[in-house]
Protein backbone atom coordinates (compact mmCIF):
# COMPACT_ATOMS: atom_id res chain seq x y z
CA MET A 1 18.47 187.61 96.10
CA THR A 2 17.83 191.05 94.63
CA LYS A 3 20.31 193.84 94.10
CA ARG A 4 19.39 195.27 97.48
CA GLY A 5 22.04 193.00 99.01
CA ARG A 6 22.23 190.14 101.46
CA ALA A 7 21.71 192.42 104.45
CA SER A 8 18.08 193.13 103.61
CA ARG A 9 17.43 189.41 103.15
CA LEU A 10 18.70 188.68 106.62
CA ILE A 11 16.61 191.45 108.15
CA VAL A 12 13.59 189.96 106.42
CA ALA A 13 14.56 186.50 107.65
CA GLY A 14 14.85 187.78 111.19
CA ALA A 15 11.52 189.58 110.89
CA ILE A 16 9.86 186.42 109.60
CA ILE A 17 11.13 184.51 112.60
CA PHE A 18 10.00 187.29 114.97
CA TRP A 19 6.57 187.42 113.32
CA THR A 20 6.29 183.63 113.40
CA VAL A 21 7.12 183.40 117.07
CA SER A 22 4.72 186.23 117.80
CA ALA A 23 2.08 184.42 115.87
CA LEU A 24 3.44 181.24 117.17
CA ALA A 25 61.07 177.51 98.07
CA THR A 26 62.97 174.83 100.06
CA PRO A 27 63.70 171.84 97.74
CA SER A 28 61.31 168.91 97.97
CA ASP A 29 62.37 165.35 98.69
CA ALA A 30 62.91 164.76 94.98
CA GLY A 31 63.27 168.33 93.76
CA GLN A 32 61.11 170.33 91.39
CA LEU A 33 59.91 168.53 88.27
CA GLU A 34 60.42 170.20 84.91
CA ILE A 35 56.85 169.67 83.73
CA SER A 36 54.90 172.11 81.63
CA GLY A 37 51.17 172.13 81.06
CA LYS A 38 47.91 173.50 82.38
CA SER A 39 45.20 172.21 84.64
CA ASP A 40 42.70 169.88 82.98
CA LYS A 41 39.41 171.30 81.82
CA CYS A 42 36.30 170.23 83.65
CA SER A 43 35.33 166.59 83.77
CA ARG A 44 31.98 165.42 85.08
CA LEU A 45 31.83 165.12 88.85
CA ARG A 46 30.08 162.67 91.13
CA SER A 47 29.55 162.42 94.86
CA GLN A 48 31.41 159.51 96.41
CA GLY A 49 32.44 158.80 99.99
CA GLY A 50 31.59 162.28 101.19
CA TYR A 51 33.63 164.01 98.47
CA LEU A 52 33.16 165.24 94.94
CA VAL A 53 35.42 163.24 92.61
CA ASP A 54 36.35 163.66 88.95
CA GLU A 55 36.83 161.12 86.19
CA HIS A 56 40.31 160.27 87.52
CA GLY A 57 39.03 159.63 91.04
CA ARG A 58 40.59 162.82 92.42
CA VAL A 59 38.85 164.71 95.22
CA ILE A 60 37.62 168.06 93.87
CA LEU A 61 37.31 171.12 96.09
CA LEU A 62 35.17 173.92 94.67
CA ARG A 63 35.78 177.52 95.70
CA GLY A 64 34.06 180.47 94.09
CA ALA A 65 31.20 182.94 94.14
CA ASN A 66 27.50 183.40 93.57
CA LEU A 67 26.74 185.10 90.27
CA PRO A 68 23.40 186.96 90.48
CA SER A 69 22.29 186.31 86.91
CA HIS A 70 18.76 186.09 88.29
CA CYS A 71 18.88 189.87 88.78
CA TYR A 72 19.55 190.82 85.19
CA LYS A 73 17.64 190.43 81.95
CA PRO A 74 19.36 190.29 79.60
CA MET A 75 22.21 188.44 81.28
CA LYS A 76 25.01 191.00 81.74
CA PHE A 77 27.98 188.80 82.66
CA GLY A 78 30.66 187.70 80.20
CA GLU A 79 34.33 187.05 79.52
CA SER A 80 35.62 189.98 81.59
CA ASP A 81 33.76 188.67 84.62
CA LEU A 82 35.29 185.23 84.13
CA ASP A 83 38.70 186.96 84.02
CA ALA A 84 37.92 188.61 87.35
CA LEU A 85 36.68 185.37 88.93
CA GLN A 86 39.79 183.53 87.77
CA GLY A 87 41.86 186.32 89.28
CA PHE A 88 40.68 185.09 92.69
CA GLY A 89 41.66 181.53 91.74
CA PHE A 90 38.02 180.43 91.65
CA ASN A 91 36.91 177.21 89.97
CA PHE A 92 33.21 177.46 90.86
CA ILE A 93 30.15 179.63 90.23
CA ARG A 94 26.72 179.21 91.80
CA LEU A 95 24.59 180.41 88.93
CA GLY A 96 21.28 182.08 89.82
CA ILE A 97 18.26 181.69 87.52
CA SER A 98 15.05 183.71 87.87
CA TRP A 99 11.96 181.60 87.21
CA ASP A 100 9.99 184.85 86.93
CA LYS A 101 12.24 186.15 84.15
CA ALA A 102 12.45 182.76 82.42
CA GLU A 103 8.68 182.12 82.44
CA PRO A 104 6.94 185.50 82.81
CA GLU A 105 3.64 183.95 81.74
CA LYS A 106 2.57 180.40 82.48
CA GLY A 107 3.72 178.19 79.63
CA ARG A 108 5.64 180.96 77.82
CA ASN A 109 9.37 180.52 78.34
CA ASP A 110 11.92 183.19 77.48
CA LEU A 111 14.48 180.92 75.84
CA ALA A 112 16.75 183.86 75.02
CA TYR A 113 17.18 184.56 78.75
CA ILE A 114 17.72 180.88 79.57
CA ASN A 115 20.18 180.39 76.72
CA SER A 116 22.17 183.47 77.76
CA ILE A 117 22.80 181.78 81.11
CA VAL A 118 23.58 178.43 79.51
CA ASN A 119 26.02 180.10 77.11
CA PHE A 120 27.75 181.81 80.02
CA ALA A 121 28.02 178.43 81.76
CA ARG A 122 29.61 177.04 78.60
CA LEU A 123 32.19 179.84 78.57
CA ALA A 124 32.95 179.12 82.23
CA GLY A 125 33.57 175.47 81.37
CA GLU A 126 36.10 176.49 78.74
CA ARG A 127 37.99 178.22 81.57
CA GLY A 128 37.87 175.17 83.84
CA ILE A 129 35.15 176.66 86.06
CA TYR A 130 32.27 174.53 87.34
CA VAL A 131 28.74 175.89 87.71
CA MET A 132 25.78 175.02 89.95
CA PRO A 133 22.53 176.17 88.30
CA GLU A 134 19.99 177.15 90.95
CA VAL A 135 16.44 178.49 90.81
CA HIS A 136 16.72 181.59 92.94
CA LYS A 137 14.04 183.14 95.06
CA TYR A 138 14.05 185.80 97.75
CA GLY A 139 11.32 185.38 100.34
CA TRP A 140 8.19 184.23 98.48
CA CYS A 141 6.11 186.15 95.91
CA GLN A 142 6.85 189.67 97.16
CA PRO A 143 8.21 192.27 94.68
CA GLY A 144 11.67 191.22 93.51
CA SER A 145 11.31 187.66 94.78
CA ASP A 146 12.03 186.11 91.34
CA TRP A 147 8.98 183.89 91.85
CA PRO A 148 6.48 184.26 88.95
CA GLU A 149 3.38 186.26 89.82
CA TRP A 150 1.16 183.79 87.98
CA ASP A 151 2.14 181.16 90.56
CA CYS A 152 1.32 183.39 93.55
CA ASP A 153 -1.97 183.15 95.41
CA PRO A 154 -2.51 185.52 97.10
CA GLN A 155 -0.57 188.25 95.30
CA VAL A 156 2.02 189.95 97.55
CA LYS A 157 2.48 193.63 96.77
CA ARG A 158 4.70 194.74 99.65
CA ASN A 159 7.95 193.43 101.12
CA SER A 160 6.41 193.85 104.56
CA ASP A 161 3.52 191.47 103.79
CA PHE A 162 4.99 188.49 105.67
CA PRO A 163 1.59 186.78 106.09
CA GLY A 164 1.11 186.82 102.32
CA MET A 165 4.59 185.38 101.76
CA MET A 166 3.96 182.61 104.24
CA ARG A 167 0.57 181.75 102.76
CA ASN A 168 2.28 181.26 99.40
CA ALA A 169 4.96 179.13 101.04
CA ARG A 170 2.31 176.98 102.73
CA ARG A 171 0.47 176.64 99.43
CA PHE A 172 3.65 175.39 97.71
CA TRP A 173 4.51 172.78 100.34
CA SER A 174 0.96 171.50 100.83
CA ARG A 175 -0.29 171.23 97.25
CA PRO A 176 1.11 169.28 94.29
CA GLU A 177 0.13 171.80 91.59
CA PRO A 178 2.71 174.55 92.35
CA GLN A 179 5.38 171.88 92.83
CA ASP A 180 4.43 170.45 89.45
CA GLU A 181 5.02 173.86 87.87
CA LEU A 182 8.52 174.19 89.35
CA ILE A 183 9.41 170.62 88.40
CA SER A 184 8.24 171.29 84.85
CA PHE A 185 10.50 174.35 84.71
CA TRP A 186 13.42 172.29 85.99
CA LYS A 187 12.88 169.72 83.24
CA LEU A 188 13.34 172.50 80.70
CA LEU A 189 16.50 173.73 82.44
CA VAL A 190 18.08 170.29 82.64
CA MET A 191 17.48 169.71 78.93
CA GLU A 192 19.45 172.91 78.25
CA PHE A 193 22.31 172.29 80.71
CA ARG A 194 22.84 168.53 80.56
CA ASP A 195 25.38 168.52 77.71
CA LEU A 196 27.83 170.66 79.70
CA ASP A 197 30.54 168.71 81.55
CA ASN A 198 31.16 171.61 83.96
CA VAL A 199 27.68 171.49 85.53
CA MET A 200 28.68 170.08 88.91
CA GLY A 201 25.08 169.56 90.01
CA TYR A 202 21.61 171.10 90.17
CA ASN A 203 20.29 173.15 93.12
CA PRO A 204 16.47 172.78 93.02
CA LEU A 205 15.42 175.76 95.15
CA ASN A 206 17.17 178.62 96.90
CA GLU A 207 16.50 179.01 100.63
CA PRO A 208 13.34 176.95 101.21
CA LEU A 209 11.17 178.34 103.98
CA ASP A 210 7.86 177.83 105.75
CA LEU A 211 6.36 178.76 109.12
CA THR A 212 7.11 175.26 110.40
CA MET A 213 10.86 175.66 109.83
CA LEU A 214 11.23 176.86 113.43
CA PHE A 215 10.39 173.33 114.62
CA PRO A 216 13.29 171.02 113.70
CA GLY A 217 12.15 168.03 111.70
CA VAL A 218 8.63 169.32 110.94
CA PHE A 219 9.44 171.31 107.81
CA ASP A 220 12.18 168.85 106.85
CA ARG A 221 9.51 166.22 106.15
CA LYS A 222 7.80 168.56 103.68
CA LEU A 223 11.06 169.67 102.11
CA PHE A 224 12.47 166.19 101.59
CA ALA A 225 9.14 164.96 100.23
CA PHE A 226 9.56 167.63 97.54
CA TYR A 227 13.17 166.53 96.97
CA GLU A 228 11.88 162.96 96.52
CA ARG A 229 9.52 164.19 93.81
CA TRP A 230 12.24 166.31 92.18
CA LEU A 231 14.66 163.38 92.03
CA ALA A 232 12.02 161.00 90.70
CA GLU A 233 10.89 163.34 87.91
CA VAL A 234 13.91 165.48 87.02
CA ARG A 235 16.96 163.28 87.65
CA PRO A 236 16.10 160.75 84.89
CA LEU A 237 16.85 163.50 82.34
CA ASP A 238 20.47 163.69 83.59
CA PRO A 239 20.83 160.64 85.84
CA GLU A 240 24.52 160.86 86.77
CA ARG A 241 24.53 164.51 87.83
CA PRO A 242 24.63 165.34 91.56
CA ALA A 243 21.62 166.96 93.23
CA CYS A 244 22.59 169.85 95.51
CA LEU A 245 20.11 170.00 98.36
CA GLU A 246 19.58 172.90 100.76
CA PRO A 247 18.02 172.79 104.21
CA SER A 248 15.54 175.45 105.30
CA THR A 249 16.50 179.08 105.81
CA ALA A 250 16.21 178.50 109.57
CA ASN A 251 19.14 176.06 109.37
CA MET A 252 21.32 179.04 110.29
CA LEU A 253 19.85 178.55 113.78
CA PHE A 254 18.35 175.05 113.94
CA PRO A 255 19.53 171.58 112.85
CA MET A 256 18.22 169.77 109.81
CA LEU A 257 16.42 166.58 110.83
CA PRO A 258 15.35 164.90 107.59
CA PRO A 259 13.42 161.65 107.37
CA HIS A 260 15.18 158.58 106.00
CA PHE A 261 16.46 159.65 102.58
CA ASP A 262 17.95 156.80 100.57
CA HIS A 263 19.46 158.50 97.53
CA HIS A 264 22.97 158.60 96.09
CA ASN A 265 25.04 161.29 94.38
CA LEU A 266 23.96 164.14 96.62
CA VAL A 267 25.65 167.39 97.69
CA TYR A 268 24.65 169.22 100.88
CA ALA A 269 24.57 172.99 100.25
CA PRO A 270 23.49 175.00 103.33
CA HIS A 271 23.76 178.77 103.83
CA PRO A 272 25.33 179.22 107.30
CA TYR A 273 24.54 182.90 107.70
CA TYR A 274 23.92 184.65 111.01
CA VAL A 275 20.61 186.26 111.89
CA HIS A 276 22.00 188.26 114.79
CA GLY A 277 24.75 190.66 113.85
CA ASP A 278 23.03 192.03 110.76
CA GLY A 279 20.51 194.61 111.88
CA PHE A 280 20.43 193.07 115.38
CA VAL A 281 22.23 193.92 118.59
CA LEU A 282 24.08 190.65 119.11
CA GLN A 283 26.90 189.36 116.93
CA GLU A 284 27.80 185.77 116.25
CA SER A 285 30.87 184.55 118.10
CA ARG A 286 33.68 182.42 116.72
CA LEU A 287 32.55 179.58 119.00
CA ALA A 288 28.97 179.77 117.71
CA LEU A 289 30.14 179.76 114.09
CA ASN A 290 32.42 176.80 114.78
CA CYS A 291 29.54 174.90 116.35
CA LYS A 292 27.43 175.68 113.28
CA TYR A 293 30.08 174.25 110.95
CA GLN A 294 30.37 171.16 113.14
CA ARG A 295 26.62 170.71 112.88
CA ILE A 296 26.30 171.18 109.13
CA SER A 297 29.26 168.86 108.61
CA ARG A 298 27.38 166.17 110.54
CA GLU A 299 24.26 166.88 108.49
CA ALA A 300 26.26 166.37 105.28
CA ARG A 301 27.52 163.02 106.57
CA LYS A 302 23.91 161.95 107.26
CA LEU A 303 23.29 162.34 103.54
CA SER A 304 26.66 160.73 102.63
CA ALA A 305 27.27 163.99 100.80
CA PRO A 306 30.13 166.46 100.41
CA LEU A 307 29.60 169.84 102.04
CA ILE A 308 29.45 172.91 99.81
CA ILE A 309 28.54 176.23 101.38
CA GLY A 310 26.03 177.50 98.83
CA GLU A 311 26.09 181.04 100.22
CA TYR A 312 27.91 183.00 102.89
CA GLY A 313 28.98 186.61 102.98
CA GLY A 314 29.32 189.84 104.90
CA ASP A 315 30.12 193.52 104.71
CA PRO A 316 33.89 194.06 104.47
CA ASP A 317 33.44 197.68 105.56
CA THR A 318 32.50 196.59 109.09
CA ARG A 319 34.83 195.17 111.72
CA PHE A 320 32.46 192.33 112.50
CA GLY A 321 31.93 191.53 108.82
CA ARG A 322 35.66 191.22 108.18
CA ARG A 323 36.18 189.10 111.28
CA TRP A 324 33.23 186.80 110.50
CA LEU A 325 34.43 186.28 106.92
CA LEU A 326 37.95 185.39 108.04
CA TRP A 327 36.52 182.86 110.51
CA SER A 328 34.40 181.41 107.71
CA PHE A 329 37.39 181.04 105.38
CA GLU A 330 39.30 179.19 108.11
CA LEU A 331 36.41 176.87 108.95
CA GLN A 332 35.81 176.03 105.31
CA ASP A 333 39.44 174.88 105.12
CA GLN A 334 39.16 172.98 108.40
CA TYR A 335 36.07 171.06 107.24
CA PHE A 336 37.29 170.78 103.63
CA ALA A 337 34.09 172.45 102.46
CA GLY A 338 33.47 173.88 99.04
CA ALA A 339 32.04 177.39 99.11
CA ALA A 340 30.53 180.18 97.02
CA ILE A 341 30.64 183.64 98.54
CA TRP A 342 27.77 186.10 98.17
CA VAL A 343 28.25 187.95 95.86
CA TYR A 344 30.21 188.53 92.65
CA ASP A 345 28.87 191.93 91.63
CA ARG A 346 29.95 195.56 91.63
CA GLY A 347 29.23 198.13 94.32
CA ASP A 348 31.18 200.33 96.72
CA GLY A 349 28.99 199.34 99.67
CA GLY A 350 27.36 196.13 100.81
CA TRP A 351 28.51 192.58 100.22
CA ALA A 352 29.77 192.73 96.62
CA ILE A 353 33.34 191.49 96.29
CA MET A 354 34.09 193.99 93.48
CA ASP A 355 34.03 197.77 93.78
CA ALA A 356 31.98 200.05 91.53
CA HIS A 357 34.82 200.19 89.00
CA GLY A 358 35.07 196.40 88.68
CA ALA A 359 38.22 195.92 90.75
CA PRO A 360 38.39 193.52 93.72
CA LYS A 361 37.78 195.23 97.04
CA SER A 362 40.99 195.34 99.05
CA PHE A 363 39.78 193.04 101.83
CA PHE A 364 38.74 190.35 99.35
CA ARG A 365 41.84 190.79 97.21
CA GLU A 366 43.99 190.06 100.26
CA SER A 367 41.94 187.34 101.99
CA LEU A 368 39.74 185.63 99.39
CA ARG A 369 42.53 185.04 96.91
CA ARG A 370 43.86 182.09 98.88
CA PRO A 371 45.54 178.76 98.11
CA TYR A 372 43.52 175.55 98.06
CA PRO A 373 43.77 172.05 96.51
CA ARG A 374 41.50 172.03 93.47
CA ALA A 375 42.09 168.33 92.79
CA THR A 376 43.65 165.85 95.24
CA SER A 377 44.96 162.47 94.11
CA GLY A 378 44.15 160.82 97.40
CA ARG A 379 42.49 161.57 100.73
CA PRO A 380 42.84 165.09 102.18
CA LYS A 381 44.09 165.18 105.78
CA GLU A 382 44.88 168.82 106.62
CA LEU A 383 44.25 172.17 104.94
CA LYS A 384 45.26 175.44 106.59
CA TYR A 385 46.10 178.94 105.42
CA ASP A 386 47.16 181.81 107.68
CA VAL A 387 46.40 185.00 105.77
CA LYS A 388 48.44 187.19 108.13
CA LYS A 389 51.57 185.02 108.11
CA ARG A 390 50.95 183.99 104.48
CA SER A 391 51.72 180.40 105.39
CA PHE A 392 49.98 177.40 103.85
CA VAL A 393 49.87 173.69 104.71
CA PHE A 394 48.20 170.90 102.78
CA ARG A 395 48.60 167.26 103.72
CA TYR A 396 47.04 164.21 102.05
CA GLU A 397 47.30 160.44 101.70
CA PRO A 398 48.11 159.71 98.06
CA ASP A 399 46.24 157.03 96.14
CA ALA A 400 48.63 155.16 93.85
CA SER A 401 45.77 154.00 91.64
CA ILE A 402 45.06 157.58 90.48
CA ASN A 403 47.10 158.44 87.41
CA ALA A 404 46.68 162.21 87.58
CA PRO A 405 48.51 164.83 89.64
CA THR A 406 47.25 166.76 92.62
CA GLU A 407 46.51 170.35 91.56
CA ILE A 408 46.77 173.24 93.99
CA PHE A 409 45.90 176.85 93.30
CA LEU A 410 48.91 178.72 94.69
CA PRO A 411 48.89 182.50 94.11
CA ARG A 412 52.11 183.54 92.47
CA GLU A 413 52.89 185.95 95.30
CA LEU A 414 53.05 182.89 97.59
CA ALA A 415 54.90 180.77 95.05
CA ASN A 416 57.85 183.14 95.41
CA GLY A 417 58.24 182.10 99.05
CA SER A 418 59.76 179.01 100.63
CA ILE A 419 58.17 175.83 99.25
CA GLN A 420 58.63 172.44 100.87
CA VAL A 421 57.12 169.27 99.46
CA LYS A 422 57.66 166.05 101.37
CA GLY A 423 56.80 162.75 99.75
CA GLY A 424 56.37 164.09 96.25
CA SER A 425 57.79 165.92 93.25
CA TRP A 426 56.26 169.13 92.02
CA SER A 427 56.05 171.70 89.28
CA TYR A 428 54.44 175.11 89.08
CA ASP A 429 52.72 176.79 86.14
CA SER A 430 52.93 180.52 86.73
CA SER A 431 50.35 181.45 84.10
CA SER A 432 47.56 179.37 85.70
CA GLU A 433 49.07 179.64 89.23
CA ILE A 434 48.65 175.89 89.62
CA MET A 435 51.11 173.63 91.43
CA PHE A 436 51.17 169.99 90.32
CA ILE A 437 52.33 167.30 92.77
CA ARG A 438 52.97 163.64 92.08
CA PRO A 439 53.75 161.41 95.08
CA LEU A 440 56.92 159.40 95.28
CA ALA A 441 56.58 155.63 94.93
CA GLY A 442 55.58 154.01 98.22
CA THR A 443 54.72 157.33 99.89
CA THR A 444 51.94 157.12 102.47
CA GLU A 445 51.67 160.88 103.05
CA THR A 446 52.48 163.94 100.97
CA THR A 447 52.80 167.39 102.54
CA LEU A 448 53.11 170.85 101.01
CA LYS A 449 54.25 173.76 103.17
CA VAL A 450 54.62 177.34 101.96
CA ASN A 451 56.07 180.15 104.06
């Protein structure tokens, strides 16, 4: 994605589809524990049983933002941005990488650019924030796409040249040579990132697309054939790290129907945007969005993978944008989905969550800074937050074999309210805004309620 914002990407996506079709505190049961301490730093994660789990066996829920480091050379983000991200309670960054900026000429890698991103990822890990490195592209080969010109044939000189974009997409999916080039680049990236414990997984390609994506199952065969190659050639360099796989861009409208895909340690990372409602007359309804989340949740289960929303976002200055975002927050809780909002950047207009002065926009300050269980010592059963009533419920089945507490990000403004914990003892660290819960012996269910 370029600095132009997500809105222009969606207009392009809609135009591609149109062109294609045309062409084709109450005391707890045991009281509050007097325990000091901070949340653990990042441990390596793995996909297991439809969840991400840490070294203790706790279920990890990732909530955060996309960081558009693919837009800037040199990398402009640093400690102050990590401060701002932590201010939302985030523990996750989807970290964009521009192949074009990293390899401006075939075979000549800009290691300074790559290392600036790796060093930022290292700083994030010191704060307890996980990262998902992803090779970002916008469309295919047009100006600002982040795809290297030397790998484009034909060259695309205008954003309106959809036929040229699609010819490059077809070339990538039908020929091994351009795939070889991307896989070679990924081998370099993995060698740089693999020593970091806070890399939660690798995202091979942002928003895959092709003309055939409008026919469910047709493009999926091409896409998952590439994922087979990527796993066979890249995963051996970091064999225990999850692979974060995206469906096609058209997944916002159509289901993913992959062929049989027998691989472990996967994460499913779709982008459930809306085509209509952003430059179009119609707007997506709550029912339609709910059906979409039901569908992508089923698709994640087909892969035996946890669901992480790799991108979602909207304009907080519009009534529909605010409403759609609030629905999305609620559905992510309902389906216990990780998520990274688009986008952590500055700007008074558009989809940035910070204003031009670097302060959180009021809508996001009030609604995106929300409680969630970062680490659950058991099986999650219910997660719900009402932003208007400022009430929060989290319920889970504790696992006595896990010798580490459940950790919940609870904004301090909520921690001053009425807190009820049934089936457990708790403590709260006001500096990190983390609540720690340990279940009582023999407890089959632990519940936190905040009002």
